Amino acid sequence: MPSMTEGRWPLVVGPVGLLPAGPTAADDGGRVHLGRQPSATPPPAVDVVTLCGRHAVFLGIEVDVDLFGADRDRLCGSCWRIVEGWLEPPAPVDGEDLVVAWLVHTVLRGGSAMIEDVPFGRVRPLRQRVARQIKAAIGGTVTTSLISPTTIIVFSQLVIDAKSEDRQHQELRDAMLRLQASGDGHPLGQPDWRRSWSQITSTPGL
């Protein structure tokens, strides 16, 4: 897949040409959406229906938007998930097996886990790998949610439902203490269910 900064729009993904679109007057959090290229290139003010179904306007082919770099957090996650389904994912990156193992272990132990800074193009394959391994281990429903373009959280409802009442109360107390400490301005340590990609890959056995 070409970089957004290597050439002009439209970005061609398979047979589909894509153009960047901005939000309408209705507040959409400043997200940049993607729309299919029509037969004729529209002027910037022409309304479009984006991949995720919102009405927006084309930003124009000359627009300087780096969706894989500086603007990656502004890209509409729903639009990107549609595009992602059309792509052949890149090969697994170094350390991915460690990340999968950490996610599976953490979810089986506590019911949920969050991983940040997932490399570009590996979010969808990572979600699929983790869900398959957890289901193979214990069955039940596994939910993977995209928190940001590079952050996912994984839940196992089976593990959560199996927690004892005492453990649930302890986790609730811990969460309340963390909130209180945060409100008092005390620094908080990172919870054991949340890690970044580099933390896991640079510290095997974490």
N, C-alpha and C. Protein backbone atom coordinates (compact mmCIF):
# COMPACT_ATOMS: atom_id res chain seq x y z
N MET A 1 0.85 -1.19 0.00
CA MET A 1 0.00 0.00 0.00
C MET A 1 0.88 1.24 0.00
N PRO A 2 0.62 2.23 -0.87
CA PRO A 2 1.49 3.41 -0.93
C PRO A 2 1.32 4.31 0.28
N SER A 3 2.36 5.03 0.59
CA SER A 3 2.28 6.01 1.67
C SER A 3 1.46 7.20 1.23
N MET A 4 0.77 7.80 2.17
CA MET A 4 -0.02 8.99 1.85
C MET A 4 0.89 10.14 1.42
N THR A 5 2.16 10.11 1.80
CA THR A 5 3.04 11.23 1.52
C THR A 5 3.88 11.02 0.28
N GLU A 6 3.78 9.85 -0.37
CA GLU A 6 4.61 9.57 -1.53
C GLU A 6 4.02 10.10 -2.84
N GLY A 7 2.77 10.42 -2.87
CA GLY A 7 2.15 10.91 -4.09
C GLY A 7 0.83 11.56 -3.78
N ARG A 8 0.18 12.00 -4.82
CA ARG A 8 -1.09 12.68 -4.65
C ARG A 8 -2.22 11.68 -4.45
N TRP A 9 -3.31 12.23 -3.94
CA TRP A 9 -4.54 11.47 -3.93
C TRP A 9 -5.03 11.36 -5.37
N PRO A 10 -5.88 10.41 -5.70
CA PRO A 10 -6.50 9.45 -4.78
C PRO A 10 -5.58 8.30 -4.39
N LEU A 11 -5.83 7.75 -3.24
CA LEU A 11 -5.15 6.54 -2.81
C LEU A 11 -5.90 5.36 -3.42
N VAL A 12 -5.22 4.53 -4.16
CA VAL A 12 -5.86 3.40 -4.82
C VAL A 12 -5.65 2.15 -3.98
N VAL A 13 -6.74 1.55 -3.54
CA VAL A 13 -6.71 0.31 -2.77
C VAL A 13 -7.48 -0.72 -3.58
N GLY A 14 -6.74 -1.63 -4.23
CA GLY A 14 -7.38 -2.55 -5.14
C GLY A 14 -8.01 -1.76 -6.28
N PRO A 15 -9.28 -2.01 -6.58
CA PRO A 15 -9.93 -1.28 -7.68
C PRO A 15 -10.55 0.04 -7.23
N VAL A 16 -10.40 0.40 -5.98
CA VAL A 16 -11.11 1.55 -5.43
C VAL A 16 -10.15 2.72 -5.23
N GLY A 17 -10.55 3.90 -5.72
CA GLY A 17 -9.81 5.12 -5.44
C GLY A 17 -10.45 5.85 -4.28
N LEU A 18 -9.64 6.31 -3.33
CA LEU A 18 -10.16 6.96 -2.13
C LEU A 18 -9.66 8.39 -2.05
N LEU A 19 -10.53 9.28 -1.53
CA LEU A 19 -10.16 10.67 -1.30
C LEU A 19 -10.50 11.05 0.13
N PRO A 20 -9.72 11.95 0.74
CA PRO A 20 -10.00 12.36 2.12
C PRO A 20 -11.20 13.28 2.17
N ALA A 21 -11.98 13.15 3.22
CA ALA A 21 -13.15 13.99 3.42
C ALA A 21 -13.17 14.48 4.86
N GLY A 22 -13.62 15.70 5.05
CA GLY A 22 -13.68 16.28 6.38
C GLY A 22 -15.09 16.25 6.93
N PRO A 23 -15.24 16.55 8.22
CA PRO A 23 -16.57 16.54 8.83
C PRO A 23 -17.42 17.70 8.34
N THR A 24 -18.71 17.58 8.50
CA THR A 24 -19.64 18.65 8.16
C THR A 24 -19.70 19.63 9.32
N ALA A 25 -20.67 20.56 9.24
CA ALA A 25 -20.82 21.53 10.32
C ALA A 25 -21.16 20.83 11.64
N ALA A 26 -21.83 19.69 11.54
CA ALA A 26 -22.10 18.92 12.75
C ALA A 26 -20.78 18.42 13.31
N ASP A 27 -20.60 18.56 14.60
CA ASP A 27 -19.31 18.23 15.21
C ASP A 27 -19.03 16.74 15.11
N ASP A 28 -17.91 16.40 14.51
CA ASP A 28 -17.50 15.00 14.40
C ASP A 28 -16.11 14.81 14.98
N GLY A 29 -15.72 15.69 15.88
CA GLY A 29 -14.44 15.55 16.56
C GLY A 29 -13.23 15.82 15.69
N GLY A 30 -13.41 16.49 14.54
CA GLY A 30 -12.27 16.79 13.69
C GLY A 30 -11.73 15.59 12.93
N ARG A 31 -12.53 14.55 12.78
CA ARG A 31 -12.07 13.34 12.11
C ARG A 31 -11.94 13.55 10.61
N VAL A 32 -10.97 12.85 10.03
CA VAL A 32 -10.82 12.81 8.58
C VAL A 32 -11.38 11.47 8.11
N HIS A 33 -12.38 11.54 7.24
CA HIS A 33 -13.02 10.34 6.72
C HIS A 33 -12.48 10.03 5.33
N LEU A 34 -12.85 8.89 4.80
CA LEU A 34 -12.46 8.50 3.45
C LEU A 34 -13.71 8.27 2.62
N GLY A 35 -13.67 8.74 1.37
CA GLY A 35 -14.78 8.52 0.45
C GLY A 35 -14.28 7.96 -0.86
N ARG A 36 -15.12 7.23 -1.56
CA ARG A 36 -14.75 6.69 -2.87
C ARG A 36 -14.61 7.81 -3.89
N GLN A 37 -13.63 7.67 -4.76
CA GLN A 37 -13.45 8.64 -5.81
C GLN A 37 -14.56 8.49 -6.85
N PRO A 38 -15.28 9.57 -7.14
CA PRO A 38 -16.31 9.48 -8.18
C PRO A 38 -15.68 9.48 -9.56
N SER A 39 -16.50 9.39 -10.58
CA SER A 39 -15.98 9.32 -11.95
C SER A 39 -15.25 10.60 -12.33
N ALA A 40 -15.70 11.72 -11.80
CA ALA A 40 -15.02 12.99 -12.05
C ALA A 40 -14.58 13.56 -10.70
N THR A 41 -13.39 14.12 -10.65
CA THR A 41 -12.88 14.67 -9.40
C THR A 41 -13.72 15.87 -8.98
N PRO A 42 -14.32 15.83 -7.78
CA PRO A 42 -15.20 16.91 -7.36
C PRO A 42 -14.42 18.09 -6.79
N PRO A 43 -14.99 19.28 -6.84
CA PRO A 43 -14.36 20.40 -6.13
C PRO A 43 -14.46 20.18 -4.63
N PRO A 44 -13.65 20.90 -3.84
CA PRO A 44 -13.60 20.63 -2.40
C PRO A 44 -14.92 20.74 -1.67
N ALA A 45 -15.89 21.52 -2.18
CA ALA A 45 -17.11 21.75 -1.43
C ALA A 45 -18.22 20.74 -1.73
N VAL A 46 -17.95 19.77 -2.58
CA VAL A 46 -19.00 18.82 -2.95
C VAL A 46 -19.24 17.82 -1.82
N ASP A 47 -20.52 17.63 -1.47
CA ASP A 47 -20.86 16.67 -0.42
C ASP A 47 -20.60 15.25 -0.90
N VAL A 48 -20.15 14.40 0.02
CA VAL A 48 -19.92 13.00 -0.29
C VAL A 48 -20.51 12.16 0.84
N VAL A 49 -20.75 10.90 0.53
CA VAL A 49 -21.07 9.93 1.58
C VAL A 49 -19.80 9.14 1.82
N THR A 50 -19.28 9.22 3.01
CA THR A 50 -18.01 8.57 3.32
C THR A 50 -18.19 7.07 3.43
N LEU A 51 -17.09 6.34 3.55
CA LEU A 51 -17.17 4.89 3.65
C LEU A 51 -18.01 4.45 4.85
N CYS A 52 -17.96 5.24 5.93
CA CYS A 52 -18.71 4.86 7.12
C CYS A 52 -20.13 5.41 7.12
N GLY A 53 -20.52 6.11 6.01
CA GLY A 53 -21.91 6.53 5.87
C GLY A 53 -22.21 7.95 6.29
N ARG A 54 -21.21 8.70 6.76
CA ARG A 54 -21.47 10.08 7.16
C ARG A 54 -21.42 11.00 5.94
N HIS A 55 -22.17 12.08 6.01
CA HIS A 55 -22.14 13.10 4.97
C HIS A 55 -21.04 14.10 5.32
N ALA A 56 -20.15 14.32 4.39
CA ALA A 56 -19.03 15.23 4.63
C ALA A 56 -18.71 15.94 3.32
N VAL A 57 -17.57 16.61 3.27
CA VAL A 57 -17.13 17.27 2.04
C VAL A 57 -15.73 16.81 1.71
N PHE A 58 -15.42 16.72 0.39
CA PHE A 58 -14.07 16.40 -0.01
C PHE A 58 -13.13 17.51 0.41
N LEU A 59 -11.96 17.12 0.91
CA LEU A 59 -10.96 18.12 1.26
C LEU A 59 -10.14 18.55 0.04
N GLY A 60 -10.18 17.75 -1.02
CA GLY A 60 -9.45 18.10 -2.23
C GLY A 60 -8.19 17.29 -2.39
N ILE A 61 -7.80 17.02 -3.64
CA ILE A 61 -6.65 16.18 -3.91
C ILE A 61 -5.35 16.80 -3.42
N GLU A 62 -5.27 18.12 -3.42
CA GLU A 62 -4.03 18.78 -3.03
C GLU A 62 -3.86 18.89 -1.52
N VAL A 63 -4.84 18.41 -0.77
CA VAL A 63 -4.78 18.58 0.68
C VAL A 63 -3.58 17.84 1.27
N ASP A 64 -2.97 18.43 2.27
CA ASP A 64 -1.81 17.84 2.92
C ASP A 64 -2.27 17.08 4.15
N VAL A 65 -2.62 15.82 3.98
CA VAL A 65 -3.07 14.97 5.07
C VAL A 65 -2.19 13.72 5.10
N ASP A 66 -1.53 13.51 6.22
CA ASP A 66 -0.65 12.34 6.37
C ASP A 66 -1.33 11.37 7.33
N LEU A 67 -2.21 10.54 6.77
CA LEU A 67 -3.01 9.66 7.62
C LEU A 67 -2.20 8.54 8.24
N PHE A 68 -1.02 8.25 7.69
CA PHE A 68 -0.18 7.21 8.26
C PHE A 68 0.85 7.80 9.22
N GLY A 69 0.87 9.11 9.34
CA GLY A 69 1.87 9.75 10.18
C GLY A 69 1.24 10.72 11.15
N ALA A 70 1.44 12.01 10.91
CA ALA A 70 1.02 13.03 11.87
C ALA A 70 -0.49 13.05 12.10
N ASP A 71 -1.27 12.66 11.10
CA ASP A 71 -2.73 12.73 11.22
C ASP A 71 -3.38 11.38 11.50
N ARG A 72 -2.59 10.38 11.86
CA ARG A 72 -3.15 9.04 12.00
C ARG A 72 -4.24 8.95 13.07
N ASP A 73 -4.12 9.75 14.13
CA ASP A 73 -5.12 9.71 15.19
C ASP A 73 -6.41 10.42 14.80
N ARG A 74 -6.38 11.15 13.67
CA ARG A 74 -7.58 11.85 13.21
C ARG A 74 -8.40 11.02 12.23
N LEU A 75 -7.82 9.94 11.72
CA LEU A 75 -8.53 9.12 10.75
C LEU A 75 -9.73 8.43 11.39
N CYS A 76 -10.87 8.50 10.73
CA CYS A 76 -12.06 7.82 11.22
C CYS A 76 -11.80 6.32 11.31
N GLY A 77 -11.96 5.75 12.49
CA GLY A 77 -11.71 4.33 12.67
C GLY A 77 -12.65 3.46 11.87
N SER A 78 -13.91 3.90 11.72
CA SER A 78 -14.88 3.11 10.97
C SER A 78 -14.51 3.06 9.49
N CYS A 79 -14.09 4.20 8.93
CA CYS A 79 -13.64 4.21 7.53
C CYS A 79 -12.45 3.29 7.35
N TRP A 80 -11.51 3.38 8.29
CA TRP A 80 -10.29 2.59 8.12
C TRP A 80 -10.56 1.10 8.23
N ARG A 81 -11.47 0.69 9.10
CA ARG A 81 -11.76 -0.74 9.22
C ARG A 81 -12.32 -1.30 7.91
N ILE A 82 -13.07 -0.48 7.18
CA ILE A 82 -13.58 -0.92 5.88
C ILE A 82 -12.43 -1.10 4.90
N VAL A 83 -11.52 -0.10 4.85
CA VAL A 83 -10.36 -0.20 3.95
C VAL A 83 -9.48 -1.37 4.33
N GLU A 84 -9.31 -1.57 5.63
CA GLU A 84 -8.44 -2.63 6.12
C GLU A 84 -8.88 -4.00 5.63
N GLY A 85 -10.19 -4.17 5.48
CA GLY A 85 -10.71 -5.44 4.99
C GLY A 85 -10.37 -5.71 3.54
N TRP A 86 -9.96 -4.66 2.80
CA TRP A 86 -9.60 -4.84 1.39
C TRP A 86 -8.12 -5.11 1.20
N LEU A 87 -7.36 -4.96 2.25
CA LEU A 87 -5.90 -5.02 2.13
C LEU A 87 -5.36 -6.40 2.46
N GLU A 88 -4.24 -6.71 1.88
CA GLU A 88 -3.47 -7.87 2.30
C GLU A 88 -2.57 -7.39 3.43
N PRO A 89 -2.74 -7.90 4.66
CA PRO A 89 -1.98 -7.35 5.78
C PRO A 89 -0.49 -7.59 5.62
N PRO A 90 0.32 -6.68 6.14
CA PRO A 90 1.77 -6.90 6.11
C PRO A 90 2.15 -8.09 6.98
N ALA A 91 3.34 -8.60 6.77
CA ALA A 91 3.81 -9.76 7.53
C ALA A 91 3.93 -9.40 9.01
N PRO A 92 3.81 -10.40 9.90
CA PRO A 92 4.00 -10.13 11.33
C PRO A 92 5.34 -9.44 11.59
N VAL A 93 5.34 -8.54 12.54
CA VAL A 93 6.56 -7.80 12.86
C VAL A 93 7.29 -8.49 14.01
N ASP A 94 8.54 -8.12 14.21
CA ASP A 94 9.34 -8.72 15.28
C ASP A 94 8.66 -8.49 16.63
N GLY A 95 8.58 -9.55 17.41
CA GLY A 95 8.00 -9.45 18.74
C GLY A 95 6.51 -9.66 18.81
N GLU A 96 5.85 -9.88 17.67
CA GLU A 96 4.40 -10.01 17.70
C GLU A 96 3.95 -11.25 18.48
N ASP A 97 4.70 -12.32 18.39
CA ASP A 97 4.34 -13.53 19.15
C ASP A 97 4.36 -13.24 20.66
N LEU A 98 5.31 -12.42 21.11
CA LEU A 98 5.36 -12.04 22.53
C LEU A 98 4.13 -11.24 22.93
N VAL A 99 3.71 -10.34 22.05
CA VAL A 99 2.54 -9.52 22.34
C VAL A 99 1.29 -10.39 22.40
N VAL A 100 1.15 -11.32 21.46
CA VAL A 100 -0.01 -12.22 21.47
C VAL A 100 -0.02 -13.04 22.75
N ALA A 101 1.13 -13.58 23.13
CA ALA A 101 1.22 -14.39 24.35
C ALA A 101 0.85 -13.57 25.57
N TRP A 102 1.33 -12.31 25.63
CA TRP A 102 1.01 -11.46 26.79
C TRP A 102 -0.49 -11.17 26.85
N LEU A 103 -1.09 -10.84 25.71
CA LEU A 103 -2.52 -10.55 25.69
C LEU A 103 -3.34 -11.76 26.13
N VAL A 104 -3.02 -12.91 25.59
CA VAL A 104 -3.78 -14.12 25.94
C VAL A 104 -3.62 -14.43 27.42
N HIS A 105 -2.38 -14.40 27.93
CA HIS A 105 -2.13 -14.69 29.35
C HIS A 105 -2.87 -13.70 30.25
N THR A 106 -2.82 -12.41 29.90
CA THR A 106 -3.43 -11.39 30.75
C THR A 106 -4.94 -11.50 30.75
N VAL A 107 -5.53 -11.79 29.60
CA VAL A 107 -6.99 -11.96 29.54
C VAL A 107 -7.43 -13.21 30.30
N LEU A 108 -6.70 -14.30 30.14
CA LEU A 108 -7.07 -15.53 30.87
C LEU A 108 -6.94 -15.35 32.38
N ARG A 109 -6.02 -14.49 32.79
CA ARG A 109 -5.81 -14.26 34.23
C ARG A 109 -6.82 -13.29 34.82
N GLY A 110 -7.13 -12.23 34.08
CA GLY A 110 -7.97 -11.18 34.67
C GLY A 110 -9.21 -10.80 33.88
N GLY A 111 -9.35 -11.30 32.67
CA GLY A 111 -10.55 -11.01 31.90
C GLY A 111 -10.39 -9.96 30.82
N SER A 112 -9.36 -9.09 30.93
CA SER A 112 -9.20 -8.05 29.93
C SER A 112 -7.73 -7.64 29.84
N ALA A 113 -7.39 -7.04 28.69
CA ALA A 113 -6.03 -6.54 28.48
C ALA A 113 -6.07 -5.47 27.40
N MET A 114 -5.16 -4.49 27.52
CA MET A 114 -5.06 -3.42 26.53
C MET A 114 -3.63 -3.34 26.02
N ILE A 115 -3.49 -3.21 24.70
CA ILE A 115 -2.17 -3.05 24.09
C ILE A 115 -2.16 -1.77 23.26
N GLU A 116 -1.13 -0.95 23.43
CA GLU A 116 -1.02 0.32 22.73
C GLU A 116 0.12 0.27 21.71
N ASP A 117 0.08 1.21 20.76
CA ASP A 117 1.14 1.37 19.76
C ASP A 117 1.32 0.13 18.89
N VAL A 118 0.21 -0.49 18.49
CA VAL A 118 0.28 -1.63 17.57
C VAL A 118 0.78 -1.12 16.21
N PRO A 119 1.76 -1.78 15.60
CA PRO A 119 2.27 -1.32 14.30
C PRO A 119 1.19 -1.24 13.24
N PHE A 120 1.38 -0.31 12.32
CA PHE A 120 0.40 -0.10 11.26
C PHE A 120 0.16 -1.39 10.47
N GLY A 121 -1.11 -1.68 10.23
CA GLY A 121 -1.48 -2.84 9.44
C GLY A 121 -1.61 -4.13 10.22
N ARG A 122 -1.22 -4.13 11.50
CA ARG A 122 -1.26 -5.38 12.27
C ARG A 122 -2.40 -5.41 13.29
N VAL A 123 -3.24 -4.37 13.34
CA VAL A 123 -4.33 -4.36 14.31
C VAL A 123 -5.31 -5.49 14.04
N ARG A 124 -5.79 -5.60 12.81
CA ARG A 124 -6.79 -6.63 12.48
C ARG A 124 -6.23 -8.04 12.67
N PRO A 125 -5.04 -8.36 12.13
CA PRO A 125 -4.50 -9.70 12.36
C PRO A 125 -4.25 -10.01 13.84
N LEU A 126 -3.82 -9.00 14.60
CA LEU A 126 -3.58 -9.22 16.02
C LEU A 126 -4.88 -9.56 16.75
N ARG A 127 -5.93 -8.82 16.45
CA ARG A 127 -7.22 -9.10 17.08
C ARG A 127 -7.69 -10.52 16.77
N GLN A 128 -7.51 -10.92 15.51
CA GLN A 128 -7.94 -12.26 15.12
C GLN A 128 -7.12 -13.34 15.80
N ARG A 129 -5.80 -13.15 15.86
CA ARG A 129 -4.93 -14.16 16.49
C ARG A 129 -5.27 -14.34 17.97
N VAL A 130 -5.42 -13.23 18.66
CA VAL A 130 -5.70 -13.30 20.10
C VAL A 130 -7.05 -13.94 20.37
N ALA A 131 -8.07 -13.53 19.62
CA ALA A 131 -9.41 -14.09 19.83
C ALA A 131 -9.42 -15.59 19.58
N ARG A 132 -8.74 -16.03 18.52
CA ARG A 132 -8.70 -17.46 18.23
C ARG A 132 -8.04 -18.24 19.36
N GLN A 133 -6.93 -17.74 19.88
CA GLN A 133 -6.20 -18.48 20.92
C GLN A 133 -7.00 -18.55 22.22
N ILE A 134 -7.67 -17.46 22.58
CA ILE A 134 -8.45 -17.46 23.82
C ILE A 134 -9.64 -18.40 23.67
N LYS A 135 -10.32 -18.36 22.53
CA LYS A 135 -11.45 -19.26 22.31
C LYS A 135 -11.01 -20.72 22.31
N ALA A 136 -9.82 -20.98 21.74
CA ALA A 136 -9.31 -22.35 21.72
C ALA A 136 -8.99 -22.83 23.13
N ALA A 137 -8.58 -21.90 24.00
CA ALA A 137 -8.18 -22.27 25.36
C ALA A 137 -9.38 -22.51 26.27
N ILE A 138 -10.37 -21.61 26.22
CA ILE A 138 -11.47 -21.71 27.18
C ILE A 138 -12.85 -21.59 26.56
N GLY A 139 -12.92 -21.24 25.27
CA GLY A 139 -14.22 -21.04 24.64
C GLY A 139 -14.83 -19.71 25.07
N GLY A 140 -16.13 -19.61 24.94
CA GLY A 140 -16.82 -18.39 25.34
C GLY A 140 -16.68 -17.27 24.32
N THR A 141 -17.20 -16.12 24.70
CA THR A 141 -17.18 -14.95 23.83
C THR A 141 -15.94 -14.10 24.11
N VAL A 142 -15.24 -13.75 23.04
CA VAL A 142 -14.08 -12.87 23.15
C VAL A 142 -14.37 -11.61 22.34
N THR A 143 -14.25 -10.47 22.98
CA THR A 143 -14.51 -9.19 22.33
C THR A 143 -13.21 -8.42 22.19
N THR A 144 -12.93 -7.94 20.99
CA THR A 144 -11.78 -7.06 20.78
C THR A 144 -12.30 -5.73 20.27
N SER A 145 -11.90 -4.64 20.92
CA SER A 145 -12.39 -3.32 20.56
C SER A 145 -11.24 -2.40 20.22
N LEU A 146 -11.45 -1.56 19.20
CA LEU A 146 -10.45 -0.59 18.79
C LEU A 146 -10.67 0.68 19.59
N ILE A 147 -9.68 1.04 20.42
CA ILE A 147 -9.78 2.25 21.24
C ILE A 147 -9.26 3.46 20.47
N SER A 148 -8.23 3.24 19.68
CA SER A 148 -7.67 4.25 18.79
C SER A 148 -7.09 3.48 17.60
N PRO A 149 -6.59 4.17 16.56
CA PRO A 149 -6.04 3.43 15.42
C PRO A 149 -4.92 2.47 15.77
N THR A 150 -4.28 2.64 16.94
CA THR A 150 -3.16 1.77 17.30
C THR A 150 -3.34 1.11 18.67
N THR A 151 -4.52 1.16 19.23
CA THR A 151 -4.76 0.61 20.57
C THR A 151 -5.98 -0.29 20.55
N ILE A 152 -5.83 -1.50 21.08
CA ILE A 152 -6.97 -2.41 21.19
C ILE A 152 -7.10 -2.91 22.61
N ILE A 153 -8.32 -3.27 22.96
CA ILE A 153 -8.59 -3.88 24.25
C ILE A 153 -9.33 -5.19 24.00
N VAL A 154 -9.01 -6.20 24.78
CA VAL A 154 -9.57 -7.54 24.60
C VAL A 154 -10.29 -7.96 25.88
N PHE A 155 -11.50 -8.50 25.75
CA PHE A 155 -12.28 -8.97 26.89
C PHE A 155 -12.67 -10.42 26.69
N SER A 156 -12.68 -11.18 27.78
CA SER A 156 -13.30 -12.50 27.79
C SER A 156 -14.42 -12.48 28.82
N GLN A 157 -15.65 -12.51 28.35
CA GLN A 157 -16.78 -12.46 29.28
C GLN A 157 -16.81 -13.69 30.17
N LEU A 158 -16.32 -14.82 29.66
CA LEU A 158 -16.30 -16.04 30.45
C LEU A 158 -15.41 -15.88 31.68
N VAL A 159 -14.23 -15.29 31.49
CA VAL A 159 -13.30 -15.07 32.61
C VAL A 159 -13.88 -14.05 33.58
N ILE A 160 -14.46 -12.99 33.06
CA ILE A 160 -15.03 -11.95 33.92
C ILE A 160 -16.16 -12.52 34.77
N ASP A 161 -17.02 -13.32 34.16
CA ASP A 161 -18.15 -13.89 34.90
C ASP A 161 -17.70 -14.91 35.94
N ALA A 162 -16.53 -15.52 35.73
CA ALA A 162 -16.06 -16.57 36.63
C ALA A 162 -15.34 -16.01 37.87
N LYS A 163 -15.13 -14.70 37.92
CA LYS A 163 -14.42 -14.13 39.07
C LYS A 163 -15.25 -14.28 40.33
N SER A 164 -14.59 -14.58 41.43
CA SER A 164 -15.28 -14.69 42.70
C SER A 164 -15.76 -13.32 43.15
N GLU A 165 -16.72 -13.32 44.07
CA GLU A 165 -17.24 -12.06 44.59
C GLU A 165 -16.15 -11.28 45.31
N ASP A 166 -15.30 -11.98 46.05
CA ASP A 166 -14.22 -11.30 46.75
C ASP A 166 -13.26 -10.62 45.77
N ARG A 167 -12.95 -11.31 44.68
CA ARG A 167 -12.04 -10.72 43.70
C ARG A 167 -12.67 -9.51 43.03
N GLN A 168 -13.94 -9.59 42.71
CA GLN A 168 -14.62 -8.45 42.12
C GLN A 168 -14.58 -7.24 43.05
N HIS A 169 -14.81 -7.50 44.34
CA HIS A 169 -14.78 -6.40 45.31
C HIS A 169 -13.37 -5.83 45.43
N GLN A 170 -12.35 -6.69 45.39
CA GLN A 170 -10.98 -6.21 45.48
C GLN A 170 -10.61 -5.35 44.28
N GLU A 171 -11.02 -5.79 43.10
CA GLU A 171 -10.73 -5.01 41.89
C GLU A 171 -11.45 -3.67 41.93
N LEU A 172 -12.67 -3.66 42.45
CA LEU A 172 -13.41 -2.41 42.58
C LEU A 172 -12.72 -1.46 43.56
N ARG A 173 -12.25 -2.03 44.69
CA ARG A 173 -11.53 -1.20 45.66
C ARG A 173 -10.25 -0.63 45.06
N ASP A 174 -9.52 -1.47 44.31
CA ASP A 174 -8.28 -1.00 43.67
C ASP A 174 -8.56 0.13 42.69
N ALA A 175 -9.64 -0.02 41.93
CA ALA A 175 -9.99 1.02 40.97
C ALA A 175 -10.36 2.32 41.67
N MET A 176 -11.07 2.22 42.78
CA MET A 176 -11.45 3.42 43.53
C MET A 176 -10.24 4.09 44.14
N LEU A 177 -9.29 3.28 44.62
CA LEU A 177 -8.06 3.85 45.18
C LEU A 177 -7.25 4.57 44.12
N ARG A 178 -7.23 4.00 42.91
CA ARG A 178 -6.51 4.65 41.81
C ARG A 178 -7.16 5.98 41.45
N LEU A 179 -8.49 6.01 41.43
CA LEU A 179 -9.19 7.25 41.14
C LEU A 179 -8.91 8.29 42.22
N GLN A 180 -8.91 7.85 43.46
CA GLN A 180 -8.64 8.78 44.56
C GLN A 180 -7.22 9.32 44.48
N ALA A 181 -6.27 8.43 44.20
CA ALA A 181 -4.88 8.87 44.09
C ALA A 181 -4.70 9.85 42.94
N SER A 182 -5.39 9.58 41.83
CA SER A 182 -5.31 10.48 40.68
C SER A 182 -5.90 11.84 41.03
N GLY A 183 -7.03 11.83 41.73
CA GLY A 183 -7.65 13.09 42.14
C GLY A 183 -6.79 13.89 43.10
N ASP A 184 -5.97 13.19 43.89
CA ASP A 184 -5.09 13.87 44.86
C ASP A 184 -3.78 14.30 44.22
N GLY A 185 -3.61 14.01 42.93
CA GLY A 185 -2.40 14.43 42.24
C GLY A 185 -1.21 13.51 42.41
N HIS A 186 -1.43 12.30 42.92
CA HIS A 186 -0.33 11.34 43.08
C HIS A 186 -0.10 10.58 41.78
N PRO A 187 1.15 10.31 41.44
CA PRO A 187 1.41 9.55 40.21
C PRO A 187 0.89 8.13 40.35
N LEU A 188 0.37 7.60 39.27
CA LEU A 188 -0.19 6.25 39.27
C LEU A 188 0.73 5.31 38.51
N GLY A 189 0.95 4.16 39.06
CA GLY A 189 1.68 3.14 38.33
C GLY A 189 0.80 2.56 37.24
N GLN A 190 1.41 1.97 36.24
CA GLN A 190 0.65 1.39 35.14
C GLN A 190 -0.05 0.11 35.60
N PRO A 191 -1.33 -0.05 35.32
CA PRO A 191 -2.02 -1.28 35.71
C PRO A 191 -1.43 -2.47 34.97
N ASP A 192 -1.52 -3.65 35.59
CA ASP A 192 -0.87 -4.82 34.99
C ASP A 192 -1.57 -5.34 33.74
N TRP A 193 -2.75 -4.79 33.41
CA TRP A 193 -3.47 -5.23 32.22
C TRP A 193 -3.26 -4.30 31.03
N ARG A 194 -2.39 -3.33 31.18
CA ARG A 194 -2.18 -2.34 30.10
C ARG A 194 -0.70 -2.19 29.80
N ARG A 195 -0.32 -2.38 28.55
CA ARG A 195 1.09 -2.25 28.15
C ARG A 195 1.15 -1.67 26.74
N SER A 196 2.31 -1.12 26.39
CA SER A 196 2.57 -0.69 25.02
C SER A 196 3.33 -1.81 24.31
N TRP A 197 3.30 -1.78 22.99
CA TRP A 197 3.98 -2.79 22.19
C TRP A 197 5.46 -2.85 22.55
N SER A 198 6.11 -1.70 22.64
CA SER A 198 7.56 -1.68 22.90
C SER A 198 7.90 -2.19 24.28
N GLN A 199 7.03 -1.97 25.26
CA GLN A 199 7.28 -2.50 26.61
C GLN A 199 7.38 -4.02 26.59
N ILE A 200 6.48 -4.64 25.86
CA ILE A 200 6.46 -6.11 25.83
C ILE A 200 7.61 -6.67 25.01
N THR A 201 7.84 -6.08 23.83
CA THR A 201 8.86 -6.64 22.94
C THR A 201 10.28 -6.36 23.43
N SER A 202 10.46 -5.31 24.22
CA SER A 202 11.80 -5.00 24.72
C SER A 202 12.10 -5.65 26.05
N THR A 203 11.05 -6.22 26.70
CA THR A 203 11.23 -6.85 28.00
C THR A 203 10.55 -8.20 28.01
N PRO A 204 11.13 -9.22 27.36
CA PRO A 204 10.53 -10.55 27.33
C PRO A 204 10.24 -11.06 28.75
N GLY A 205 9.11 -11.68 28.92
CA GLY A 205 8.74 -12.19 30.22
C GLY A 205 8.01 -11.20 31.09
N LEU A 206 7.70 -9.99 30.51
CA LEU A 206 7.00 -8.97 31.27
C LEU A 206 5.62 -9.45 31.69
